[in-house]
Amino acid sequence: MPSTLYAKLWDSHVVAELTPDRQGGDALLYIDRHLVHEVSSPQAFQALRDAGRRLRRPETHLAVADHAVPTRSRGERIADPLAAAQVAELEANVAQFAVPYHRLDGEDQGIVHVMGPEAGFTLPGITLVCGDSHTTTHGAFGALAFGIGASECGTVMAAQCLKQKRAQTMRVDLTGTLSPHASAKDIALAFIARVGAMGAAGHAVEYAGPGIASLSMAARMTLCNMTIEAGGRIGLIAPDDTTFAYLEGRPLAPRGDRWTPAVAYWRTLRSDDDAVFDRIVSIDLGEVVPHVSWGTSPEDCAPITASVPDPATIADPSARRRLEKALAYMDLAPGTALQAIAIDRVFIGSCTNGRIEDLRTAAAIVAGRHVADGVTAIVVPGSTATKHQAEAEGLDAIFRAAGFEWRHAGCSMCVAMNDDRLAPGERSASTSNRNFEGRQGPGGRTHLMSPAMAAAAGIAGHLVDIRTLGAPAA
């Protein structure tokens, strides 16, 4: 039978079918790799201790501190007592259970979904889990990757298996070519706006079509990362030469005599031409324009040339109430032009847009310019390796000259678990993945966009169409 990429990955990891319905039933899946961080792991390690168990395969786990860590300094005592306790607990746990660990002050530290691919820990054909919903990121390599809960992390540690329900399949066909000012973030926001925040729920989403070939690995990771914002726990892209070029030479990727057979196998990881999907969505990349969000869900977004919608035009009462609530929280009036919305803060970073390509794009926008009066802007690389590469390329100097703060790696303002957060009422142009109420800080208001658009907003002092930004002052 013709198979989708998802079916091939799933079938190759089934240990046992637990229900008779092979098309949508439960199965016990073997888990190849597990990324561990300081927030979701304490309960899992404690469960092992309480049961007197050990890790079944310690070498298949990789730990790092990223969510709660400070980004202003590195190598000093962590001032926040909760963050300090979380990092200390992680270090004690990985030492006790012999889990490979990338130290906070080491060269390999970073956000799990940035550091994992950089290390070559993420590979085509594997199953990979993490106690974080944006584990969808790793599907960009043709891996079956998904987020799990804290108790499931403990199950993986003890048994190397998980009970999972087979998903339906969705294919997102990408055709055409992106314009110079559009990005993978804009593709993702346009897709979510079309299908809704739960439009991909219950589906494994494969991004395919001729448009994929033009996307870098960074762009593919951004696209798969945002799949969860459409409700899909799994995003996938078939590996190709772009994938292999990225992986070759990575510390944990196959080397020497193992490389050629690995690539030969990886080339088989694609959906068959006549494979059947439960749903197909088509996107012409040539029609994708810069998008920004205006509400409190990633589905609340529109082209930058649009205006804030009017709840009075919504017929469905529950949808109208949700929109009214979102606009009240965001303090926006219906009909307001998106480009008229002033901002207080800019955040460039996160597991969605903290890679070297993202920083290069943002730096190209701010070069020769300066942030607007009253705007505070920070750049937080997704990993220490990315930070050092950016510094070697002089990107940090460009950002600093433009008035941006240059930080150490971490999740930072993407999530209010650390000391980078919005004050109540502050409005942010953000490259992160979520704009829920309080996501960047209690009472904070988040507008999602690409690195280039966030950088441009910082320069203008308000949301702006990057296509009309003009040249920097001489």
Protein backbone atom coordinates (compact mmCIF):
# COMPACT_ATOMS: atom_id res chain seq x y z
CA MET A 1 0.00 0.00 0.00
CA PRO A 2 1.26 3.55 -0.73
CA SER A 3 2.37 5.21 2.49
CA THR A 4 2.73 8.71 3.81
CA LEU A 5 5.95 9.77 5.50
CA TYR A 6 4.08 9.77 8.81
CA ALA A 7 2.90 6.19 8.30
CA LYS A 8 6.44 5.03 7.48
CA LEU A 9 7.85 6.62 10.61
CA TRP A 10 5.01 5.36 12.79
CA ASP A 11 5.06 1.78 11.46
CA SER A 12 8.83 1.49 11.87
CA HIS A 13 8.54 2.30 15.59
CA VAL A 14 5.49 0.26 16.64
CA VAL A 15 6.41 -2.19 19.40
CA ALA A 16 2.86 -3.45 19.78
CA GLU A 17 -0.59 -2.58 18.46
CA LEU A 18 -2.80 -1.98 21.51
CA THR A 19 -6.16 -1.63 19.72
CA PRO A 20 -7.47 -3.36 16.59
CA ASP A 21 -8.08 -0.11 14.68
CA ARG A 22 -4.76 0.28 12.90
CA GLN A 23 -5.92 3.47 11.19
CA GLY A 24 -6.60 5.40 14.37
CA GLY A 25 -5.92 3.18 17.35
CA ASP A 26 -3.37 3.12 20.13
CA ALA A 27 0.07 1.61 19.79
CA LEU A 28 3.18 1.28 21.91
CA LEU A 29 5.89 3.29 20.15
CA TYR A 30 9.62 2.94 20.65
CA ILE A 31 11.21 6.31 21.42
CA ASP A 32 14.70 6.83 20.04
CA ARG A 33 15.64 10.14 21.68
CA HIS A 34 14.51 12.43 24.46
CA LEU A 35 15.42 16.07 25.07
CA VAL A 36 15.34 17.11 28.74
CA HIS A 37 15.14 20.59 30.28
CA GLU A 38 14.84 22.00 33.77
CA VAL A 39 11.10 22.74 33.85
CA SER A 40 9.44 19.47 32.77
CA SER A 41 11.97 16.93 34.08
CA PRO A 42 11.93 17.08 37.93
CA GLN A 43 8.75 15.02 38.25
CA ALA A 44 10.10 12.42 35.81
CA PHE A 45 13.37 11.97 37.67
CA GLN A 46 11.53 11.79 40.99
CA ALA A 47 9.25 9.09 39.62
CA LEU A 48 12.33 7.01 38.77
CA ARG A 49 13.66 7.44 42.30
CA ASP A 50 10.33 6.61 43.92
CA ALA A 51 10.04 3.41 41.89
CA GLY A 52 13.68 2.45 42.35
CA ARG A 53 14.21 2.46 38.58
CA ARG A 54 17.14 3.49 36.42
CA LEU A 55 17.20 5.02 32.94
CA ARG A 56 16.83 2.27 30.40
CA ARG A 57 19.23 3.93 27.92
CA PRO A 58 20.88 7.07 29.35
CA GLU A 59 22.73 7.81 26.10
CA THR A 60 19.43 8.44 24.26
CA HIS A 61 18.67 11.47 26.44
CA LEU A 62 20.23 14.92 26.25
CA ALA A 63 19.66 17.60 28.89
CA VAL A 64 20.06 21.38 28.94
CA ALA A 65 18.74 24.32 30.97
CA ASP A 66 16.92 26.85 28.81
CA HIS A 67 13.44 27.96 29.94
CA ALA A 68 14.13 29.64 33.28
CA VAL A 69 17.72 30.75 32.81
CA PRO A 70 18.82 34.39 32.83
CA THR A 71 20.14 35.88 29.59
CA ARG A 72 21.82 39.04 30.88
CA SER A 73 24.78 37.15 32.35
CA ARG A 74 26.28 33.71 32.25
CA GLY A 75 28.68 31.88 34.56
CA GLU A 76 27.56 33.71 37.69
CA ARG A 77 25.21 32.73 40.48
CA ILE A 78 21.61 32.87 39.24
CA ALA A 79 19.88 35.65 41.16
CA ASP A 80 16.33 34.37 40.83
CA PRO A 81 15.90 31.71 43.54
CA LEU A 82 13.38 29.64 41.57
CA ALA A 83 15.52 29.56 38.43
CA ALA A 84 18.61 28.78 40.49
CA ALA A 85 16.81 25.89 42.19
CA GLN A 86 15.53 24.50 38.87
CA VAL A 87 18.96 24.52 37.26
CA ALA A 88 20.59 23.04 40.36
CA GLU A 89 17.97 20.28 40.48
CA LEU A 90 18.52 19.46 36.81
CA GLU A 91 22.28 19.24 37.34
CA ALA A 92 21.83 16.95 40.33
CA ASN A 93 19.38 14.72 38.46
CA VAL A 94 21.50 14.30 35.33
CA ALA A 95 24.53 13.51 37.49
CA GLN A 96 22.63 10.84 39.43
CA PHE A 97 21.16 9.18 36.33
CA ALA A 98 24.17 9.65 33.99
CA VAL A 99 22.28 11.74 31.44
CA PRO A 100 24.46 13.64 28.93
CA TYR A 101 24.21 17.31 29.87
CA HIS A 102 25.09 20.58 28.14
CA ARG A 103 26.06 22.90 30.97
CA LEU A 104 24.58 26.36 31.25
CA ASP A 105 28.02 27.96 31.02
CA GLY A 106 29.26 25.60 28.30
CA GLU A 107 29.70 26.02 24.56
CA ASP A 108 26.84 23.63 23.72
CA GLN A 109 24.07 25.22 25.80
CA GLY A 110 20.94 26.49 24.09
CA ILE A 111 17.20 26.14 23.71
CA VAL A 112 16.40 22.43 23.35
CA HIS A 113 14.90 22.89 19.88
CA VAL A 114 17.90 24.87 18.63
CA MET A 115 20.67 22.99 20.42
CA GLY A 116 19.34 19.51 19.49
CA PRO A 117 19.59 19.99 15.73
CA GLU A 118 22.91 21.84 16.04
CA ALA A 119 24.36 18.86 17.89
CA GLY A 120 23.09 16.36 15.34
CA PHE A 121 20.99 14.78 18.09
CA THR A 122 17.99 15.28 15.78
CA LEU A 123 18.14 12.92 12.80
CA PRO A 124 15.78 11.77 10.03
CA GLY A 125 13.78 8.65 10.72
CA ILE A 126 13.90 8.74 14.52
CA THR A 127 11.23 9.30 17.12
CA LEU A 128 12.08 12.22 19.37
CA VAL A 129 10.17 13.60 22.35
CA CYS A 130 10.54 16.42 24.85
CA GLY A 131 8.45 17.88 27.64
CA ASP A 132 7.67 20.89 25.48
CA SER A 133 4.94 21.37 22.87
CA HIS A 134 7.30 22.91 20.30
CA THR A 135 9.07 19.59 19.81
CA THR A 136 7.26 19.71 16.46
CA THR A 137 10.35 21.68 15.36
CA HIS A 138 12.39 18.50 14.84
CA GLY A 139 9.98 17.17 12.24
CA ALA A 140 11.79 19.49 9.82
CA PHE A 141 14.41 16.71 9.59
CA GLY A 142 11.92 13.95 8.82
CA ALA A 143 11.78 12.85 12.45
CA LEU A 144 8.58 11.80 14.21
CA ALA A 145 8.82 14.39 16.98
CA PHE A 146 6.20 15.53 19.47
CA GLY A 147 5.82 17.12 22.87
CA ILE A 148 4.87 15.07 25.92
CA GLY A 149 3.90 15.64 29.55
CA ALA A 150 6.08 15.29 32.63
CA SER A 151 4.75 11.84 33.52
CA GLU A 152 5.35 10.65 29.97
CA CYS A 153 8.95 11.89 30.25
CA GLY A 154 9.32 9.49 33.17
CA THR A 155 7.84 6.66 31.12
CA VAL A 156 10.34 7.25 28.31
CA MET A 157 13.19 7.32 30.81
CA ALA A 158 12.15 4.01 32.35
CA ALA A 159 10.78 2.07 29.38
CA GLN A 160 11.96 3.84 26.19
CA CYS A 161 8.38 3.48 24.92
CA LEU A 162 5.13 5.46 24.95
CA LYS A 163 1.49 4.68 24.31
CA GLN A 164 0.30 6.92 21.48
CA LYS A 165 -2.75 7.28 19.25
CA ARG A 166 -2.22 7.17 15.52
CA ALA A 167 -3.01 10.54 13.94
CA GLN A 168 -4.80 11.46 10.77
CA THR A 169 -2.69 13.07 8.06
CA MET A 170 -2.70 16.52 6.51
CA ARG A 171 -0.55 17.60 3.57
CA VAL A 172 0.25 21.29 3.13
CA ASP A 173 1.29 21.77 -0.48
CA LEU A 174 3.66 24.70 -0.94
CA THR A 175 3.96 26.01 -4.49
CA GLY A 176 5.56 29.09 -6.00
CA THR A 177 8.36 31.22 -4.58
CA LEU A 178 8.44 33.52 -1.57
CA SER A 179 8.91 37.22 -2.21
CA PRO A 180 12.11 38.77 -0.76
CA HIS A 181 10.26 40.27 2.23
CA ALA A 182 8.22 37.19 3.19
CA SER A 183 9.52 34.38 5.40
CA ALA A 184 8.74 30.98 6.85
CA LYS A 185 7.16 32.76 9.84
CA ASP A 186 4.76 34.46 7.44
CA ILE A 187 3.93 31.09 5.84
CA ALA A 188 3.17 29.67 9.27
CA LEU A 189 1.01 32.60 10.36
CA ALA A 190 -0.89 32.59 7.07
CA PHE A 191 -1.52 28.85 7.42
CA ILE A 192 -2.73 29.17 11.02
CA ALA A 193 -4.96 32.12 10.13
CA ARG A 194 -6.55 30.01 7.40
CA VAL A 195 -7.17 26.76 9.28
CA GLY A 196 -7.52 28.12 12.82
CA ALA A 197 -5.82 27.35 16.11
CA MET A 198 -7.33 23.84 16.12
CA GLY A 199 -7.46 23.31 12.37
CA ALA A 200 -4.76 20.64 12.43
CA ALA A 201 -5.83 18.99 15.70
CA GLY A 202 -5.51 15.22 15.52
CA HIS A 203 -3.36 15.42 12.39
CA ALA A 204 0.26 14.86 11.53
CA VAL A 205 1.00 17.73 9.17
CA GLU A 206 3.44 17.19 6.30
CA TYR A 207 4.72 20.27 4.48
CA ALA A 208 5.50 19.26 0.92
CA GLY A 209 5.39 20.42 -2.68
CA PRO A 210 7.91 22.19 -4.91
CA GLY A 211 8.13 25.19 -2.58
CA ILE A 212 9.90 23.15 0.09
CA ALA A 213 13.12 22.90 -1.92
CA SER A 214 13.75 26.65 -1.62
CA LEU A 215 13.46 26.67 2.19
CA SER A 216 16.57 26.46 4.37
CA MET A 217 16.68 24.18 7.39
CA ALA A 218 16.12 27.21 9.62
CA ALA A 219 12.97 28.08 7.66
CA ARG A 220 11.77 24.47 7.79
CA MET A 221 12.29 24.36 11.55
CA THR A 222 10.28 27.58 11.94
CA LEU A 223 7.45 26.10 9.90
CA CYS A 224 7.34 22.82 11.81
CA ASN A 225 7.76 24.65 15.13
CA MET A 226 4.53 26.61 14.54
CA THR A 227 2.51 23.49 13.63
CA ILE A 228 1.44 23.11 17.25
CA GLU A 229 -0.16 26.58 17.04
CA ALA A 230 -2.57 25.13 14.48
CA GLY A 231 -3.33 22.27 16.86
CA GLY A 232 -1.09 19.66 15.24
CA ARG A 233 1.32 17.82 17.56
CA ILE A 234 3.44 16.65 14.61
CA GLY A 235 4.91 18.63 11.73
CA LEU A 236 6.97 16.86 9.07
CA ILE A 237 9.17 17.62 6.08
CA ALA A 238 10.82 14.85 4.07
CA PRO A 239 14.63 14.98 4.31
CA ASP A 240 16.54 15.98 1.18
CA ASP A 241 19.96 17.27 0.16
CA THR A 242 19.40 20.45 2.18
CA THR A 243 18.84 18.30 5.26
CA PHE A 244 21.90 16.16 4.64
CA ALA A 245 24.15 19.18 4.06
CA TYR A 246 23.00 20.63 7.39
CA LEU A 247 23.65 17.39 9.29
CA GLU A 248 27.00 16.37 7.82
CA GLY A 249 29.77 16.84 10.35
CA ARG A 250 27.46 17.54 13.31
CA PRO A 251 28.90 16.04 16.54
CA LEU A 252 26.20 13.40 17.04
CA ALA A 253 25.36 12.71 13.39
CA PRO A 254 26.67 9.57 11.65
CA ARG A 255 30.30 9.88 10.56
CA GLY A 256 32.82 8.07 8.43
CA ASP A 257 31.60 4.75 7.03
CA ARG A 258 28.20 5.28 8.68
CA TRP A 259 27.36 8.46 6.76
CA THR A 260 26.69 7.04 3.28
CA PRO A 261 24.32 4.23 4.37
CA ALA A 262 22.55 6.66 6.69
CA VAL A 263 21.85 9.05 3.82
CA ALA A 264 20.73 6.16 1.62
CA TYR A 265 18.15 5.21 4.24
CA TRP A 266 17.10 8.81 4.84
CA ARG A 267 16.31 9.22 1.14
CA THR A 268 13.56 6.59 1.51
CA LEU A 269 11.80 8.77 4.07
CA ARG A 270 9.23 10.45 1.85
CA SER A 271 5.56 10.03 1.14
CA ASP A 272 4.86 7.81 -1.84
CA ASP A 273 3.57 9.70 -4.87
CA ASP A 274 0.13 8.12 -4.63
CA ALA A 275 -0.14 8.22 -0.82
CA VAL A 276 -3.55 9.33 0.43
CA PHE A 277 -3.91 12.13 3.01
CA ASP A 278 -6.99 12.81 5.09
CA ARG A 279 -6.80 16.52 4.27
CA ILE A 280 -4.87 18.70 1.82
CA VAL A 281 -4.23 22.45 2.09
CA SER A 282 -2.52 24.40 -0.70
CA ILE A 283 -0.49 27.58 -0.23
CA ASP A 284 1.00 29.63 -3.07
CA LEU A 285 4.20 31.09 -1.58
CA GLY A 286 4.07 33.91 -4.11
CA GLU A 287 0.92 35.17 -2.41
CA VAL A 288 2.36 35.11 1.13
CA VAL A 289 3.00 38.61 2.51
CA PRO A 290 4.36 39.83 5.86
CA HIS A 291 1.91 38.97 8.64
CA VAL A 292 1.48 40.14 12.23
CA SER A 293 -0.87 39.02 14.99
CA TRP A 294 -3.38 41.36 16.62
CA GLY A 295 -5.16 39.14 19.18
CA THR A 296 -4.43 36.54 21.85
CA SER A 297 -4.10 33.45 19.65
CA PRO A 298 -1.74 32.79 16.74
CA GLU A 299 -4.84 32.44 14.55
CA ASP A 300 -5.53 36.13 15.23
CA CYS A 301 -3.19 37.43 12.55
CA ALA A 302 -3.40 39.16 9.20
CA PRO A 303 -1.26 40.84 6.55
CA ILE A 304 0.44 43.96 7.91
CA THR A 305 -1.65 46.06 5.51
CA ALA A 306 -4.89 45.01 7.24
CA SER A 307 -6.80 46.51 10.18
CA VAL A 308 -8.04 45.17 13.50
CA PRO A 309 -11.30 43.29 12.82
CA ASP A 310 -14.69 44.39 14.16
CA PRO A 311 -16.47 41.86 16.44
CA ALA A 312 -19.81 43.25 15.22
CA THR A 313 -19.20 41.57 11.86
CA ILE A 314 -18.95 38.11 13.45
CA ALA A 315 -22.22 36.18 13.33
CA ASP A 316 -21.30 33.37 15.72
CA PRO A 317 -21.89 34.57 19.31
CA SER A 318 -19.06 32.56 20.90
CA ALA A 319 -16.56 33.67 18.24
CA ARG A 320 -17.71 37.27 18.68
CA ARG A 321 -17.25 37.11 22.44
CA ARG A 322 -13.78 35.63 22.05
CA LEU A 323 -12.82 38.43 19.68
CA GLU A 324 -14.20 41.08 22.02
CA LYS A 325 -12.24 39.59 24.91
CA ALA A 326 -9.05 39.48 22.84
CA LEU A 327 -9.35 43.11 21.76
CA ALA A 328 -10.09 44.21 25.32
CA TYR A 329 -6.94 42.47 26.55
CA MET A 330 -4.87 43.86 23.69
CA ASP A 331 -6.41 47.34 24.17
CA LEU A 332 -7.18 47.66 20.47
CA ALA A 333 -10.15 49.32 18.80
CA PRO A 334 -11.84 47.71 15.79
CA GLY A 335 -10.73 49.24 12.53
CA THR A 336 -7.31 50.32 13.81
CA ALA A 337 -4.70 49.97 11.08
CA LEU A 338 -2.14 47.38 12.18
CA GLN A 339 0.63 49.76 11.13
CA ALA A 340 -0.69 52.38 13.56
CA ILE A 341 -0.04 50.17 16.62
CA ALA A 342 2.83 51.55 18.70
CA ILE A 343 5.14 49.16 20.57
CA ASP A 344 7.25 49.36 23.70
CA ARG A 345 9.48 46.29 23.37
CA VAL A 346 11.09 44.12 20.69
CA PHE A 347 12.09 40.50 21.24
CA ILE A 348 14.14 38.67 18.62
CA GLY A 349 14.85 35.08 19.59
CA SER A 350 13.07 31.85 20.73
CA CYS A 351 13.07 28.30 19.38
CA THR A 352 11.01 29.66 16.47
CA ASN A 353 13.34 32.44 15.33
CA GLY A 354 16.60 32.41 17.28
CA ARG A 355 18.86 30.78 14.69
CA ILE A 356 21.79 32.36 12.87
CA GLU A 357 19.73 32.97 9.70
CA ASP A 358 17.11 34.81 11.77
CA LEU A 359 19.76 37.02 13.36
CA ARG A 360 21.33 37.78 9.99
CA THR A 361 17.96 38.82 8.59
CA ALA A 362 17.20 41.11 11.52
CA ALA A 363 20.71 42.61 11.49
CA ALA A 364 20.34 43.47 7.80
CA ILE A 365 17.25 45.52 8.68
CA VAL A 366 18.74 47.46 11.60
CA ALA A 367 22.16 48.14 10.06
CA GLY A 368 22.65 51.90 9.84
CA ARG A 369 19.47 52.57 11.80
CA HIS A 370 18.56 52.99 15.48
CA VAL A 371 15.65 51.85 17.63
CA ALA A 372 12.93 54.45 18.10
CA ASP A 373 12.81 56.54 21.26
CA GLY A 374 11.02 54.75 24.07
CA VAL A 375 11.52 51.27 22.60
CA THR A 376 13.56 48.60 24.41
CA ALA A 377 14.85 45.88 22.09
CA ILE A 378 16.70 42.65 22.88
CA VAL A 379 18.28 39.96 20.73
CA VAL A 380 18.59 36.52 22.34
CA PRO A 381 20.41 33.87 20.27
CA GLY A 382 18.87 30.40 20.38
CA SER A 383 22.13 28.78 21.44
CA THR A 384 25.61 29.66 22.64
CA ALA A 385 27.01 28.33 19.37
CA THR A 386 24.68 30.65 17.46
CA LYS A 387 25.73 33.54 19.70
CA HIS A 388 29.40 32.96 19.02
CA GLN A 389 28.83 32.54 15.29
CA ALA A 390 26.88 35.80 15.19
CA GLU A 391 29.68 37.56 17.07
CA ALA A 392 32.26 36.17 14.63
CA GLU A 393 30.19 37.64 11.80
CA GLY A 394 29.90 41.02 13.57
CA LEU A 395 26.13 40.83 13.98
CA ASP A 396 26.31 41.69 17.68
CA ALA A 397 28.09 44.95 16.84
CA ILE A 398 25.36 45.84 14.33
CA PHE A 399 22.63 45.23 16.90
CA ARG A 400 24.42 47.15 19.63
CA ALA A 401 25.05 50.12 17.34
CA ALA A 402 21.33 50.16 16.57
CA GLY A 403 20.44 50.23 20.28
CA PHE A 404 19.56 46.58 20.77
CA GLU A 405 20.67 44.63 23.84
CA TRP A 406 22.76 41.55 22.99
CA ARG A 407 22.03 38.64 25.33
CA HIS A 408 23.13 35.10 26.18
CA ALA A 409 21.17 32.10 24.89
CA GLY A 410 17.88 31.00 26.43
CA CYS A 411 14.11 30.97 25.98
CA SER A 412 14.02 34.51 27.39
CA MET A 413 10.93 36.61 26.66
CA CYS A 414 9.18 33.86 24.71
CA VAL A 415 7.82 32.61 28.03
CA ALA A 416 7.50 34.43 31.35
CA MET A 417 9.50 31.86 33.32
CA ASN A 418 12.62 34.01 33.67
CA ASP A 419 13.57 37.64 34.29
CA ASP A 420 12.92 38.74 30.69
CA ARG A 421 9.26 39.68 30.60
CA LEU A 422 6.81 42.43 29.73
CA ALA A 423 5.38 44.72 32.37
CA PRO A 424 1.56 44.95 32.54
CA GLY A 425 0.30 46.96 29.59
CA GLU A 426 3.56 46.84 27.62
CA ARG A 427 3.26 45.93 23.96
CA SER A 428 5.82 43.73 22.20
CA ALA A 429 6.86 43.00 18.63
CA SER A 430 7.96 39.40 19.11
CA THR A 431 9.44 36.59 17.05
CA SER A 432 8.17 33.97 19.51
CA ASN A 433 5.44 31.45 18.78
CA ARG A 434 2.58 32.34 21.13
CA ASN A 435 0.65 35.47 22.02
CA PHE A 436 -1.67 34.10 24.72
CA GLU A 437 -2.68 36.35 27.59
CA GLY A 438 0.32 36.72 29.91
CA ARG A 439 2.60 34.61 27.72
CA GLN A 440 5.39 37.21 27.83
CA GLY A 441 4.41 38.50 31.25
CA PRO A 442 1.15 39.17 33.16
CA GLY A 443 -0.76 41.87 31.31
CA GLY A 444 1.79 41.97 28.48
CA ARG A 445 0.53 42.32 24.90
CA THR A 446 2.32 40.32 22.23
CA HIS A 447 2.30 40.76 18.46
CA LEU A 448 3.87 37.82 16.59
CA MET A 449 5.92 38.39 13.44
CA SER A 450 9.12 37.48 11.63
CA PRO A 451 12.61 38.65 12.70
CA ALA A 452 12.72 41.18 9.88
CA MET A 453 9.31 42.59 10.82
CA ALA A 454 10.20 42.75 14.53
CA ALA A 455 13.45 44.54 13.75
CA ALA A 456 11.61 47.00 11.51
CA ALA A 457 9.00 47.64 14.21
CA GLY A 458 11.78 48.46 16.66
CA ILE A 459 13.20 51.02 14.25
CA ALA A 460 9.83 52.58 13.44
CA GLY A 461 8.41 52.44 16.98
CA HIS A 462 5.26 50.81 15.66
CA LEU A 463 4.20 47.84 13.55
CA VAL A 464 5.35 48.58 10.03
CA ASP A 465 5.29 47.06 6.58
CA ILE A 466 8.91 46.15 5.97
CA ARG A 467 8.35 46.69 2.24
CA THR A 468 7.88 50.42 2.89
CA LEU A 469 10.61 50.93 5.50
CA GLY A 470 12.92 52.74 3.10
CA ALA A 471 16.67 53.12 3.23
CA PRO A 472 18.58 53.92 6.42
CA ALA A 473 19.59 57.53 6.98
CA ALA A 474 22.99 58.42 5.55
